[in-house]
Amino acid sequence: MTDFDRDPDALAWARSKVADAVTRFREYASLADRAGKPEEAEMWRNMAGHLWHALIGDGLTVAAFDERRAVLPPSGEGEPS
């Protein structure tokens, strides 16, 4: 982990960028739904969900930009436990 992994301001900045992208992807899904393109809409919804899960987490997973990383104690290898 780097200093940025434990910096609450850096994590908040990264989370906001991910949240902005997820919002855009969901808007694209809505536009595709209205255009009668259900497969494209599903693709955008899936991308939004995967991005959120991989970078923010889902409540159970502590992902790359999860605010809980800042308070996790290091494990024996210097990584969060």
Protein backbone atom coordinates (compact mmCIF):
# COMPACT_ATOMS: atom_id res chain seq x y z
CA MET A 1 0.00 0.00 0.00
CA THR A 2 1.10 3.55 -0.63
CA ASP A 3 0.52 6.71 1.39
CA PHE A 4 -2.43 7.45 -0.89
CA ASP A 5 -4.12 4.22 0.23
CA ARG A 6 -4.27 5.63 3.75
CA ASP A 7 -5.03 9.26 2.85
CA PRO A 8 -8.76 9.92 3.38
CA ASP A 9 -8.67 12.96 1.06
CA ALA A 10 -7.05 10.98 -1.75
CA LEU A 11 -9.55 8.15 -1.33
CA ALA A 12 -12.46 10.63 -1.34
CA TRP A 13 -11.13 12.22 -4.54
CA ALA A 14 -10.80 8.83 -6.25
CA ARG A 15 -14.23 7.72 -5.04
CA SER A 16 -15.80 10.86 -6.49
CA LYS A 17 -14.19 10.19 -9.89
CA VAL A 18 -15.49 6.62 -9.88
CA ALA A 19 -18.94 7.77 -8.77
CA ASP A 20 -19.00 10.30 -11.64
CA ALA A 21 -18.13 7.57 -14.15
CA VAL A 22 -20.76 5.22 -12.71
CA THR A 23 -23.37 7.98 -12.96
CA ARG A 24 -22.44 8.58 -16.62
CA PHE A 25 -22.63 4.84 -17.38
CA ARG A 26 -26.08 4.64 -15.80
CA GLU A 27 -27.18 7.65 -17.86
CA TYR A 28 -25.93 5.88 -21.00
CA ALA A 29 -27.95 2.82 -19.98
CA SER A 30 -31.05 4.96 -19.59
CA LEU A 31 -30.50 6.54 -23.01
CA ALA A 32 -30.03 3.12 -24.58
CA ASP A 33 -33.24 1.89 -22.94
CA ARG A 34 -35.16 4.85 -24.34
CA ALA A 35 -33.63 4.21 -27.77
CA GLY A 36 -34.88 0.62 -27.69
CA LYS A 37 -31.41 -0.90 -27.33
CA PRO A 38 -31.75 -3.27 -24.35
CA GLU A 39 -28.47 -5.10 -24.97
CA GLU A 40 -26.51 -1.85 -25.01
CA ALA A 41 -28.34 -0.67 -21.90
CA GLU A 42 -27.45 -3.90 -20.11
CA MET A 43 -23.81 -3.49 -21.13
CA TRP A 44 -23.69 0.00 -19.56
CA ARG A 45 -25.42 -1.21 -16.39
CA ASN A 46 -22.94 -4.08 -16.11
CA MET A 47 -19.99 -1.75 -16.63
CA ALA A 48 -21.29 0.60 -13.93
CA GLY A 49 -21.76 -2.27 -11.51
CA HIS A 50 -18.38 -3.83 -12.17
CA LEU A 51 -16.59 -0.49 -11.88
CA TRP A 52 -18.29 0.26 -8.57
CA HIS A 53 -17.62 -3.21 -7.17
CA ALA A 54 -13.95 -3.28 -8.26
CA LEU A 55 -13.01 0.22 -7.10
CA ILE A 56 -15.46 1.19 -4.36
CA GLY A 57 -16.61 -2.13 -2.94
CA ASP A 58 -19.96 -3.54 -2.03
CA GLY A 59 -20.02 -3.37 1.74
CA LEU A 60 -18.31 -6.73 2.15
CA THR A 61 -15.33 -6.19 -0.13
CA VAL A 62 -12.75 -3.52 0.68
CA ALA A 63 -11.86 -2.33 -2.80
CA ALA A 64 -9.15 -0.02 -4.12
CA PHE A 65 -10.83 3.29 -3.24
CA ASP A 66 -12.91 2.15 -0.27
CA GLU A 67 -12.79 4.74 2.52
CA ARG A 68 -12.27 1.91 5.01
CA ARG A 69 -8.76 1.33 3.60
CA ALA A 70 -7.50 4.43 5.41
CA VAL A 71 -8.14 2.87 8.81
CA LEU A 72 -7.15 -0.74 8.13
CA PRO A 73 -4.13 -1.90 10.10
CA PRO A 74 -1.34 -3.35 7.97
CA SER A 75 -0.98 -7.12 7.92
CA GLY A 76 2.38 -8.83 8.30
CA GLU A 77 3.18 -8.21 4.62
CA GLY A 78 2.33 -4.51 4.72
CA GLU A 79 -1.02 -5.05 3.01
CA PRO A 80 -4.43 -4.62 4.61
CA SER A 81 -5.72 -7.70 6.36
